[in-house]
Protein backbone atom coordinates (compact mmCIF):
# COMPACT_ATOMS: atom_id res chain seq x y z
CA MET A 1 9.19 41.18 -37.97
CA LEU A 2 8.52 43.37 -34.95
CA THR A 3 5.02 43.87 -35.92
CA THR A 4 4.43 40.13 -35.96
CA LEU A 5 6.11 39.56 -32.63
CA LEU A 6 4.20 42.24 -30.94
CA LEU A 7 0.96 40.92 -32.47
CA ILE A 8 1.77 37.51 -31.18
CA ALA A 9 2.47 38.82 -27.63
CA ILE A 10 -0.86 40.72 -27.80
CA GLY A 11 -2.73 37.65 -29.00
CA LEU A 12 -1.32 35.48 -26.09
CA LEU A 13 -2.28 38.22 -23.58
CA ALA A 14 -5.78 38.41 -25.15
CA ALA A 15 -6.23 34.66 -24.80
CA PRO A 16 -7.27 34.44 -21.11
CA PRO A 17 -9.92 37.26 -21.13
CA THR A 18 -11.25 35.92 -24.55
CA LEU A 19 -11.46 32.32 -23.22
CA ALA A 20 -13.11 33.63 -20.09
CA ALA A 21 -15.62 35.77 -22.06
CA CYS A 22 -16.51 32.63 -24.18
CA ARG A 23 -16.91 30.53 -21.02
CA SER A 24 -19.18 33.14 -19.41
CA LEU A 25 -21.38 33.23 -22.51
CA ILE A 26 -21.90 29.42 -21.99
CA VAL A 27 -22.18 29.27 -18.23
CA ILE A 28 -24.52 32.26 -17.72
CA PRO A 29 -27.39 30.90 -19.78
CA LEU A 30 -26.58 27.34 -18.49
CA ARG A 31 -26.83 28.49 -14.85
CA LEU A 32 -30.09 30.26 -15.53
CA TRP A 33 -31.50 27.13 -17.32
CA LEU A 34 -30.45 24.93 -14.40
CA GLY A 35 -32.37 27.14 -12.05
CA ALA A 36 -31.98 27.34 -8.27
CA ALA A 37 -29.38 25.16 -6.70
CA ARG A 38 -30.88 22.16 -4.82
CA PRO A 39 -29.75 21.40 -1.38
CA ALA A 40 -28.32 17.99 -0.75
CA ALA A 41 -31.30 15.62 0.05
CA ALA A 42 -30.58 13.04 2.77
CA ALA A 43 -32.60 11.85 5.74
CA ALA A 44 -31.30 12.51 9.23
CA PRO A 45 -29.61 9.35 10.64
CA ARG A 46 -31.13 7.50 13.48
CA ASP A 47 -27.86 8.06 15.47
CA TRP A 48 -25.74 10.94 14.69
CA PRO A 49 -22.14 9.84 14.14
CA PRO A 50 -19.15 11.45 15.97
CA VAL A 51 -17.60 14.32 14.30
CA THR A 52 -14.27 16.18 14.87
CA VAL A 53 -14.22 19.97 14.05
CA GLN A 54 -10.57 20.57 13.11
CA LEU A 55 -9.02 24.08 13.33
CA ALA A 56 -5.52 24.72 12.00
CA ILE A 57 -4.53 28.20 13.24
CA TYR A 58 -1.43 30.45 13.18
CA ARG A 59 -1.39 33.73 15.13
CA GLU A 60 -5.12 33.72 15.21
CA SER A 61 -5.86 34.42 18.89
CA VAL A 62 -7.74 37.63 18.03
CA VAL A 63 -10.57 35.78 16.26
CA LEU A 64 -10.31 32.33 17.91
CA GLU A 65 -12.83 33.01 20.64
CA ARG A 66 -15.58 34.17 18.07
CA LEU A 67 -14.91 30.88 16.10
CA LEU A 68 -15.01 28.57 19.09
CA ARG A 69 -18.17 30.06 20.55
CA SER A 70 -19.93 29.65 17.20
CA ILE A 71 -18.77 26.04 16.97
CA LEU A 72 -19.87 25.42 20.54
CA ALA A 73 -23.42 26.77 19.54
CA ILE A 74 -23.82 24.16 16.67
CA ASP A 75 -26.85 22.02 17.17
CA TYR A 76 -25.40 18.55 17.56
CA PRO A 77 -25.11 15.99 20.44
CA ARG A 78 -22.44 17.20 22.81
CA ASP A 79 -21.10 13.72 23.22
CA ARG A 80 -20.89 13.24 19.54
CA MET A 81 -18.65 16.30 18.74
CA ARG A 82 -15.29 17.28 19.65
CA ILE A 83 -13.01 20.25 18.60
CA GLN A 84 -9.39 19.94 17.74
CA ILE A 85 -7.10 22.93 17.52
CA VAL A 86 -3.61 22.64 15.96
CA ASP A 87 -1.79 25.83 16.81
CA ASP A 88 1.46 26.77 15.04
CA SER A 89 1.68 30.19 16.75
CA GLU A 90 4.71 31.38 18.71
CA ALA A 91 4.64 31.58 22.44
CA ASP A 92 2.77 34.78 23.07
CA ASP A 93 -0.06 34.21 20.71
CA ALA A 94 -0.28 30.45 21.75
CA GLU A 95 -0.50 31.53 25.40
CA ARG A 96 -3.52 33.75 24.52
CA SER A 97 -5.19 30.90 22.46
CA ARG A 98 -4.69 28.42 25.36
CA ALA A 99 -6.38 30.83 27.71
CA ILE A 100 -9.34 31.19 25.35
CA VAL A 101 -9.59 27.38 25.15
CA ALA A 102 -9.46 26.99 29.09
CA MET A 103 -12.18 29.66 29.46
CA LEU A 104 -14.53 27.71 27.01
CA ALA A 105 -13.55 24.15 28.10
CA SER A 106 -16.67 23.76 30.44
CA GLN A 107 -19.17 24.04 27.56
CA GLY A 108 -19.89 20.17 27.31
CA VAL A 109 -17.56 19.72 24.25
CA THR A 110 -14.04 18.29 24.40
CA ILE A 111 -11.55 20.77 22.98
CA ASP A 112 -8.10 19.20 22.23
CA TYR A 113 -5.39 21.92 22.00
CA LEU A 114 -2.23 20.77 20.20
CA GLN A 115 1.04 22.36 19.31
CA ARG A 116 3.51 20.89 16.77
CA PRO A 117 7.08 20.77 17.73
CA LYS A 118 8.15 22.27 14.41
CA ARG A 119 6.05 24.24 11.91
CA VAL A 120 6.51 22.16 8.75
CA GLY A 121 4.18 22.06 5.77
CA TYR A 122 2.22 25.22 6.92
CA LYS A 123 -1.58 24.56 7.12
CA ALA A 124 -1.38 21.20 5.26
CA GLY A 125 1.26 19.97 7.65
CA ALA A 126 -0.98 21.10 10.70
CA LEU A 127 -3.99 19.29 9.21
CA ASN A 128 -2.04 16.06 8.75
CA PHE A 129 -0.55 16.27 12.14
CA GLY A 130 -3.94 16.73 13.70
CA MET A 131 -5.62 14.10 11.48
CA ALA A 132 -3.13 11.49 12.58
CA GLN A 133 -4.72 11.84 16.13
CA ILE A 134 -8.44 11.87 15.10
CA ASP A 135 -10.45 8.54 15.34
CA ASP A 136 -13.83 10.05 14.24
CA GLU A 137 -14.65 9.16 10.59
CA LEU A 138 -16.10 12.65 9.76
CA ILE A 139 -14.01 15.75 10.09
CA ALA A 140 -15.35 19.46 9.67
CA PHE A 141 -12.97 22.22 8.76
CA PHE A 142 -13.10 25.93 9.59
CA ASP A 143 -10.57 28.76 9.04
CA ALA A 144 -10.07 31.06 11.94
CA ASP A 145 -11.93 33.99 10.27
CA PHE A 146 -15.20 32.05 10.15
CA GLU A 147 -18.28 31.58 12.29
CA ALA A 148 -20.27 28.40 11.95
CA ARG A 149 -24.01 28.52 11.64
CA PRO A 150 -25.86 26.29 14.23
CA ASP A 151 -27.31 23.94 11.62
CA PHE A 152 -23.92 23.20 10.06
CA LEU A 153 -23.53 19.66 11.10
CA LYS A 154 -27.10 18.53 10.89
CA THR A 155 -27.23 19.84 7.39
CA LEU A 156 -24.04 18.23 6.04
CA VAL A 157 -23.71 14.97 8.06
CA PRO A 158 -26.62 13.12 6.50
CA ALA A 159 -25.02 13.37 3.05
CA PHE A 160 -22.33 11.00 4.26
CA ASP A 161 -24.84 8.09 4.43
CA ASP A 162 -23.89 7.62 0.75
CA PRO A 163 -20.55 5.74 1.14
CA SER A 164 -19.28 7.23 -2.18
CA VAL A 165 -19.41 10.75 -0.75
CA GLY A 166 -15.84 11.80 0.26
CA GLY A 167 -16.61 15.40 1.13
CA ILE A 168 -18.96 18.35 0.86
CA GLN A 169 -18.36 22.15 0.55
CA ALA A 170 -21.08 24.58 1.83
CA ARG A 171 -21.65 27.98 0.53
CA TRP A 172 -20.22 31.01 2.42
CA ASP A 173 -21.91 33.98 3.84
CA TYR A 174 -20.16 37.12 5.03
CA MET A 175 -19.82 39.07 8.11
CA ASN A 176 -18.85 42.35 6.54
CA ASP A 177 -19.62 42.22 2.80
CA THR A 178 -21.63 45.43 2.75
CA ASP A 179 -19.18 47.45 5.00
CA ARG A 180 -17.21 49.02 2.09
CA PRO A 181 -16.58 48.68 -1.59
CA VAL A 182 -13.55 46.41 -1.25
CA THR A 183 -15.47 43.85 0.87
CA GLN A 184 -18.46 44.00 -1.44
CA MET A 185 -16.02 43.27 -4.44
CA GLN A 186 -14.70 40.28 -2.61
CA ALA A 187 -18.08 38.86 -1.71
CA GLY A 188 -19.17 39.30 -5.36
CA VAL A 189 -16.26 37.20 -6.57
CA PHE A 190 -17.07 34.61 -4.03
CA ASP A 191 -20.71 34.53 -4.98
CA LYS A 192 -19.71 34.21 -8.65
CA MET A 193 -17.44 31.22 -7.68
CA PHE A 194 -20.11 29.52 -5.80
CA SER A 195 -22.84 30.16 -8.46
CA PHE A 196 -20.77 29.17 -11.55
CA GLU A 197 -17.45 27.51 -10.76
CA ILE A 198 -18.94 25.24 -8.09
CA ASP A 199 -22.63 24.83 -8.55
CA VAL A 200 -22.54 24.55 -12.27
CA ARG A 201 -19.58 22.16 -12.11
CA SER A 202 -21.28 19.96 -9.43
CA ARG A 203 -24.62 19.74 -11.44
CA LEU A 204 -22.69 18.71 -14.59
CA GLY A 205 -21.03 15.84 -12.86
CA ARG A 206 -17.79 17.44 -11.92
CA PRO A 207 -16.52 17.54 -8.22
CA ALA A 208 -17.27 20.79 -6.28
CA LEU A 209 -14.15 22.65 -5.18
CA PHE A 210 -13.19 22.63 -1.62
CA LEU A 211 -12.20 26.22 -0.53
CA GLY A 212 -10.52 25.27 2.74
CA SER A 213 -13.28 26.12 5.17
CA ASN A 214 -17.05 25.55 5.94
CA GLY A 215 -16.88 22.00 4.64
CA MET A 216 -16.50 18.44 5.74
CA PHE A 217 -14.53 15.35 4.66
CA ARG A 218 -14.57 11.59 5.32
CA ARG A 219 -11.43 10.68 7.05
CA ALA A 220 -10.96 7.51 5.01
CA ALA A 221 -11.13 9.63 1.83
CA LEU A 222 -8.27 11.86 3.00
CA ASN A 223 -6.26 9.04 4.18
CA GLY A 224 -6.83 7.23 0.87
CA ILE A 225 -5.24 9.99 -1.05
CA GLY A 226 -2.31 10.35 1.37
CA GLY A 227 -3.68 13.32 3.33
CA TRP A 228 -3.08 17.02 2.52
CA LYS A 229 -0.16 17.73 0.23
CA GLU A 230 2.50 19.59 2.20
CA GLN A 231 3.97 21.32 -0.84
CA PRO A 232 5.21 24.89 -0.26
CA PHE A 233 2.62 27.44 -1.18
CA THR A 234 0.24 25.17 -2.88
CA SER A 235 -3.47 25.55 -2.56
CA GLU A 236 -3.95 22.40 -0.42
CA ASP A 237 -7.83 22.74 -0.55
CA LEU A 238 -8.11 22.85 -4.32
CA ASP A 239 -5.46 20.20 -4.57
CA VAL A 240 -7.41 17.80 -2.41
CA SER A 241 -10.62 18.54 -4.53
CA TYR A 242 -8.85 17.10 -7.64
CA ARG A 243 -7.20 14.19 -5.86
CA ILE A 244 -10.33 13.18 -4.11
CA HIS A 245 -12.19 13.08 -7.45
CA VAL A 246 -9.45 11.17 -9.26
CA ALA A 247 -9.50 8.66 -6.47
CA GLY A 248 -13.21 7.98 -7.15
CA TRP A 249 -14.89 9.95 -4.33
CA LYS A 250 -17.81 12.38 -4.68
CA LEU A 251 -17.27 16.01 -3.62
CA LEU A 252 -20.68 17.62 -3.13
CA TYR A 253 -21.94 21.22 -2.88
CA GLU A 254 -24.34 22.47 -0.33
CA PRO A 255 -25.92 25.73 -1.62
CA ARG A 256 -27.14 26.85 1.71
CA PRO A 257 -24.76 29.23 3.50
CA LEU A 258 -23.66 27.43 6.75
CA GLY A 259 -20.85 29.61 7.75
CA LEU A 260 -19.82 33.24 7.63
CA THR A 261 -16.34 34.54 6.74
CA GLU A 262 -14.68 37.82 7.64
CA LEU A 263 -13.41 39.50 4.48
CA PRO A 264 -10.25 41.67 4.39
CA GLU A 265 -11.55 45.10 5.09
CA THR A 266 -8.79 46.99 3.43
CA TYR A 267 -7.22 46.86 -0.04
CA LEU A 268 -3.52 45.97 1.00
CA PRO A 269 -4.35 42.78 2.83
CA TYR A 270 -6.56 41.77 0.00
CA LEU A 271 -3.68 42.43 -2.45
CA GLN A 272 -1.58 40.25 -0.20
CA GLN A 273 -4.07 37.46 0.00
CA GLN A 274 -4.54 37.30 -3.70
CA ARG A 275 -0.74 37.05 -4.25
CA ARG A 276 -0.72 34.11 -2.01
CA TRP A 277 -3.71 32.40 -3.61
CA ALA A 278 -2.23 33.05 -7.08
CA ARG A 279 0.78 31.07 -5.94
CA GLY A 280 -1.41 28.21 -4.74
CA MET A 281 -3.56 28.25 -7.97
CA THR A 282 -0.56 28.15 -10.24
CA ARG A 283 0.83 25.24 -8.24
CA VAL A 284 -2.43 23.36 -8.56
CA PHE A 285 -2.44 24.04 -12.29
CA LEU A 286 1.05 22.70 -12.76
CA ASP A 287 0.24 19.59 -10.72
CA HIS A 288 -3.09 18.66 -12.19
CA VAL A 289 -3.61 20.23 -15.64
CA GLY A 290 -2.75 16.88 -17.34
CA THR A 291 -5.31 15.01 -15.44
CA MET A 292 -7.96 17.75 -15.72
CA LEU A 293 -7.73 17.92 -19.55
CA THR A 294 -7.13 14.21 -20.34
CA THR A 295 -9.85 12.63 -18.23
CA ARG A 296 -12.38 11.36 -20.71
CA ARG A 297 -15.69 13.23 -20.53
CA GLN A 298 -17.91 15.47 -22.61
CA ARG A 299 -16.30 18.12 -24.63
CA LEU A 300 -18.29 20.96 -23.02
CA LEU A 301 -16.84 19.89 -19.54
CA GLU A 302 -13.31 19.77 -21.01
CA TYR A 303 -13.85 23.39 -22.31
CA LEU A 304 -15.27 24.66 -19.11
CA GLU A 305 -12.51 23.08 -17.10
CA GLY A 306 -9.74 24.23 -19.41
CA SER A 307 -10.95 27.72 -19.75
CA LEU A 308 -11.32 28.15 -15.97
CA ILE A 309 -7.69 27.04 -15.39
CA VAL A 310 -6.40 29.36 -18.26
CA PHE A 311 -8.45 32.21 -16.78
CA GLN A 312 -7.26 31.75 -13.12
CA VAL A 313 -3.48 31.34 -14.04
CA GLY A 314 -3.35 33.32 -17.28
CA MET A 315 -5.50 36.37 -16.41
CA PRO A 316 -2.65 38.00 -14.28
CA PHE A 317 -0.49 38.31 -17.37
CA VAL A 318 -3.02 40.88 -18.80
CA ALA A 319 -1.30 43.31 -16.45
CA LEU A 320 1.64 43.32 -19.06
CA LEU A 321 -0.66 44.38 -21.90
CA PRO A 322 -0.24 48.15 -21.45
CA LEU A 323 3.50 47.87 -22.01
CA VAL A 324 2.99 45.90 -25.23
CA MET A 325 0.43 48.26 -26.40
CA LEU A 326 2.60 51.26 -25.74
CA ALA A 327 5.44 49.69 -27.79
CA TYR A 328 3.03 48.89 -30.75
CA VAL A 329 1.37 52.37 -30.83
CA GLY A 330 4.63 54.32 -29.87
CA LEU A 331 6.39 52.66 -32.95
CA GLY A 332 3.31 53.38 -35.14
CA LEU A 333 3.16 49.82 -36.43
CA GLU A 334 0.68 48.46 -39.00
CA ARG A 335 -3.06 48.41 -38.16
CA ASN A 336 -3.84 45.10 -39.99
CA ALA A 337 -6.54 42.59 -39.73
CA ALA A 338 -4.80 40.63 -36.87
CA TRP A 339 -4.56 43.91 -35.00
CA ALA A 340 -8.22 44.73 -35.50
CA TRP A 341 -9.37 41.30 -34.33
CA GLU A 342 -7.29 41.41 -31.16
CA GLN A 343 -8.64 44.91 -30.28
CA ALA A 344 -12.11 43.54 -30.64
CA LEU A 345 -11.46 40.57 -28.51
CA LEU A 346 -9.81 42.59 -25.83
CA PHE A 347 -12.76 45.12 -25.84
CA ILE A 348 -15.13 42.14 -25.19
CA GLY A 349 -12.93 40.41 -22.64
CA ILE A 350 -11.68 43.51 -20.59
CA VAL A 351 -13.71 46.61 -21.42
CA THR A 352 -17.13 44.89 -21.24
CA PRO A 353 -16.16 41.69 -19.45
CA PRO A 354 -18.82 38.88 -19.49
CA VAL A 355 -17.20 37.72 -16.19
CA MET A 356 -18.41 40.80 -14.50
CA ILE A 357 -21.97 39.76 -15.74
CA GLU A 358 -21.46 36.45 -13.95
CA VAL A 359 -20.68 38.42 -10.71
CA LEU A 360 -23.90 40.54 -11.17
CA VAL A 361 -26.03 37.48 -12.04
CA ALA A 362 -24.73 35.81 -8.87
CA GLN A 363 -26.18 38.77 -6.90
CA LYS A 364 -29.54 38.19 -8.49
CA VAL A 365 -29.33 34.45 -7.63
CA HIS A 366 -28.41 34.81 -3.99
CA TYR A 367 -29.87 38.04 -2.58
CA ALA A 368 -33.19 39.86 -2.32
CA ASP A 369 -31.34 43.17 -2.29
CA TRP A 370 -29.25 42.26 -5.29
CA ARG A 371 -29.76 45.70 -7.01
CA SER A 372 -27.97 47.58 -4.37
CA ARG A 373 -25.37 44.92 -4.02
CA ALA A 374 -24.78 45.01 -7.72
CA ARG A 375 -24.32 48.81 -7.73
CA ARG A 376 -21.68 48.43 -4.96
CA VAL A 377 -19.81 45.73 -6.85
CA LEU A 378 -19.68 47.92 -9.97
CA GLN A 379 -18.33 50.94 -7.89
CA ALA A 380 -15.52 48.67 -6.60
CA ALA A 381 -14.78 47.07 -9.98
CA PRO A 382 -11.86 49.34 -10.85
CA LEU A 383 -9.93 48.05 -7.77
CA ALA A 384 -9.84 44.53 -9.53
CA MET A 385 -7.44 45.79 -12.14
CA GLY A 386 -4.86 46.38 -9.52
CA LEU A 387 -5.10 42.80 -8.28
CA ALA A 388 -3.54 41.59 -11.52
CA VAL A 389 -0.17 42.99 -10.55
CA SER A 390 -0.21 41.24 -7.18
CA MET A 391 -1.51 38.02 -8.69
CA LEU A 392 1.23 38.12 -11.47
CA ALA A 393 3.83 38.41 -8.78
CA GLY A 394 2.46 35.23 -7.21
CA VAL A 395 2.47 33.34 -10.45
CA PHE A 396 6.00 34.20 -11.21
CA GLU A 397 7.03 33.21 -7.66
CA THR A 398 5.57 29.75 -8.32
CA LEU A 399 7.10 29.36 -11.83
CA THR A 400 10.46 30.46 -10.65
CA ALA A 401 10.26 28.26 -7.42
CA SER A 402 10.65 31.29 -5.19
CA GLN A 403 9.64 30.44 -1.72
CA GLY A 404 8.79 33.92 -0.62
CA GLU A 405 7.59 34.59 2.95
CA PHE A 406 4.22 33.28 4.39
CA VAL A 407 2.12 36.25 5.27
CA ARG A 408 -1.12 35.71 7.17
CA THR A 409 -4.04 37.90 6.15
CA PRO A 410 -4.61 40.48 8.91
CA LYS A 411 -7.83 40.18 10.93
CA GLN A 412 -10.20 42.71 12.41
CA GLY A 413 -8.15 45.75 11.31
CA GLN A 414 -4.68 44.47 12.26
CA LEU A 415 -1.72 45.95 10.35
CA GLY A 416 -0.26 42.70 9.18
CA ILE A 417 1.71 39.71 10.52
CA VAL A 418 4.93 38.56 9.15
CA ARG A 419 7.90 36.88 10.86
CA ASN A 420 9.75 40.22 11.06
CA SER A 421 7.77 43.37 11.70
CA VAL A 422 4.86 45.56 10.51
CA GLY A 423 7.49 47.74 8.74
CA SER A 424 8.60 44.92 6.54
CA TRP A 425 5.04 44.04 5.74
CA LEU A 426 4.32 47.48 4.58
CA ARG A 427 7.52 47.85 2.64
CA GLY A 428 6.66 44.63 0.80
CA PHE A 429 3.92 46.38 -1.04
CA LEU A 430 6.17 49.07 -2.64
CA PRO A 431 7.16 47.01 -5.71
CA VAL A 432 3.46 46.19 -6.38
CA LEU A 433 2.46 49.90 -6.09
CA ALA A 434 5.37 50.93 -8.24
CA ALA A 435 4.17 48.54 -10.85
CA GLN A 436 0.61 49.75 -10.59
CA TRP A 437 1.72 53.34 -10.99
CA THR A 438 4.01 52.40 -13.88
CA LEU A 439 1.14 50.60 -15.65
CA ALA A 440 -1.17 53.51 -15.10
CA ALA A 441 1.40 55.88 -16.75
CA ALA A 442 1.98 53.41 -19.67
CA CYS A 443 -1.81 53.40 -20.30
CA ALA A 444 -1.96 57.32 -20.15
CA ILE A 445 1.02 57.60 -22.55
CA THR A 446 -0.56 55.06 -24.95
CA VAL A 447 -3.92 56.98 -24.98
CA ALA A 448 -2.04 60.19 -25.75
CA LEU A 449 -0.02 58.55 -28.51
CA ALA A 450 -3.18 56.76 -29.84
CA ALA A 451 -5.11 60.04 -30.07
CA TRP A 452 -2.16 61.82 -31.76
CA ARG A 453 -1.64 59.08 -34.33
CA GLY A 454 -5.35 57.89 -34.89
CA TYR A 455 -5.26 54.58 -33.33
CA TRP A 456 -8.85 55.29 -32.02
CA GLU A 457 -9.70 51.53 -31.46
CA VAL A 458 -7.14 51.37 -28.69
CA LEU A 459 -8.80 54.11 -26.54
CA PRO A 460 -11.63 52.14 -24.77
CA LEU A 461 -9.19 49.40 -23.73
CA MET A 462 -6.35 51.72 -22.55
CA VAL A 463 -8.83 54.22 -20.84
CA SER A 464 -10.49 51.32 -18.92
CA MET A 465 -7.21 49.63 -17.84
CA GLY A 466 -5.56 52.92 -17.07
CA SER A 467 -8.38 54.09 -14.86
CA GLY A 468 -8.27 50.74 -13.09
CA PHE A 469 -4.64 50.88 -12.47
CA PHE A 470 -4.71 54.53 -11.47
CA ILE A 471 -7.57 54.08 -9.00
CA SER A 472 -6.02 50.94 -7.54
CA ALA A 473 -2.59 52.54 -7.16
CA ALA A 474 -4.03 55.62 -5.60
CA HIS A 475 -6.16 53.68 -3.18
CA ALA A 476 -3.33 51.42 -2.21
CA SER A 477 -0.91 54.37 -1.79
CA ALA A 478 -3.21 56.29 0.42
CA GLU A 479 -3.87 53.21 2.62
CA LEU A 480 -0.06 52.51 2.78
CA ARG A 481 0.49 56.13 4.02
CA ARG A 482 -2.14 55.78 6.67
CA LYS A 483 -0.88 52.38 7.88
CA SER A 484 2.71 53.63 7.89
CA ARG A 485 1.79 56.44 10.20
CA THR A 486 -0.20 54.21 12.44
CA ALA A 487 2.71 51.72 12.63
CA ALA A 488 5.11 54.45 13.35
CA ALA A 489 2.99 55.83 16.15
CA ALA A 490 2.61 52.29 17.57
CA GLN A 491 6.44 51.68 17.52
CA ALA A 492 7.08 55.04 19.06
CA ALA A 493 4.65 54.31 21.88
CA VAL A 494 6.43 50.89 22.55
CA ALA A 495 9.71 52.57 22.53
CA LYS A 496 8.65 55.14 25.26
CA ALA A 497 7.09 52.33 27.24
C-alpha cells in the first residue's frame, strides 16, 4: 500500500517535467521549421494617431528619469504623444517623482502626473484609474525598469490600422543581461518565452502573451473587456491576454526588440520576483483553464496550451520530489516497472531537460554571440533549481488565498522595498533558504542511501537536484549575509545622524 501511494506521488510530481519535455520535443523542431519571426507588416499611416504612454509606478523614483528620457526620445510627432504617470508611492518618493516630471516638462510632450487617493487594486487599479482619464484610442505601456527604443511607436502603431487588432507585444532586450550569471539566466528564460511561448503561439493562430510592458493596446479593446482585473496578486497582463482573445480581438507579436528591461542583478530579488509571478500565474490558471482547454481548435494547440499551463503551475511542486524519494529509498521499497518508468521520465525531464534546450536554441535564434551566451546560461542553470521553492510558496499562497505582502522588485542595487523595513524584507527569505538547505540535505541523504542499497537509477536525479539546491542555498545565504551587513551599517548610520 505504501509503495503504491509513494509511486503515485512520484508519478504526479513527474508529470510537469514530463509534459514539458514532450512539449519541447514538439516546439523546438516546429520553431526551427517556421524559421525567423516575421515583423508585423503594415504601411505607415498618412496621419499618425494620438497615443498616450501610460506608466503605473510605485516607489520607482530611482529609475523614473531614465524611463521618461527614453520615452521623450521616441521618434513620433510631439503633438500626437502624451505621457501619463499614475504614482501610488508614499509622500517622499512621490515628491522625488514630481520633481523629475517638473524637470522634464519642457521637452515638448505633455506629461500628466496623477496620484490616486487610495492604492486599491495594485498595478491593475492604477491602470484602470489612469485609463478612465485617457481620450486617445491607443495606449502604450512600460514598466518603470524599462527604456523605450526610439522606433517603438512608429513600429507598432501601423498594426492598429487593422480594426481587429486589440494589442501587440514587442520583444524585450536587456540592459544588463551579460553582467553576471543570474542576469544571463533570466534573459535566457525570457528569450525562450519570446521564441517559443509567444512567437510559436502567435504563428499558430493563438494570441501572443502580453507581459505587462513594451506593448500597446487599443483602448476600446480594454474597455470592452471591463479593463484590467483588480484581483489581488493576479497577473493582470496575462489575464488580459486571454480575455482580449476570448472577446474576439487579435493580440500580435512584434519580434523586433523595441525596449530594454533592467533585470534583477542579485539572486534574492529574483527569488522574490518569481514568488510573486508564481502567485499571478496560478491565479490566471485558476481563472482561465476552462476556457483555454475547452475552446474548439486543433488538438496540437490544445496540447501546447495545456502543457504550458501545467508546466508553469505544476513545475514548482517538483521541489517536493527529494522528500518523496528519500522516503521511498529510505524504506527500501520495491523497484518495480512503475518505479523504473518514473525514474526514466524524471531523468529526461529534469537531468537532461529539453526545456533547457529551448533556452539554448533561443540564444541561437536571437544573438550572433549565442555561443558565449549559451555557456553563461549553462553556468547559471543550477540556480534555477532554487527558484522552485520560492515559486512553490507563491503557488500555495494563491491556492490558500493568502494575501501575503506586495514586495516591489529592487532596482539598481537597492536592498528591497516593503511597507515595513529592509530588515523584514531580508527576514522574509529565511523560510525559503531553510527549505533549500533541507532539500539539499534530503538529496544528499537519498544519494547515500541509494548507493548503500543499490538504487543506482536514483543517483543522476538526486545528484542533479541536490547540486542545484545546494548551489542555490549557498548563493542565497551568502547574499543574505552581505545584504544584512549592509542594512545594519545603513541603519547604524541613520541612527547616528
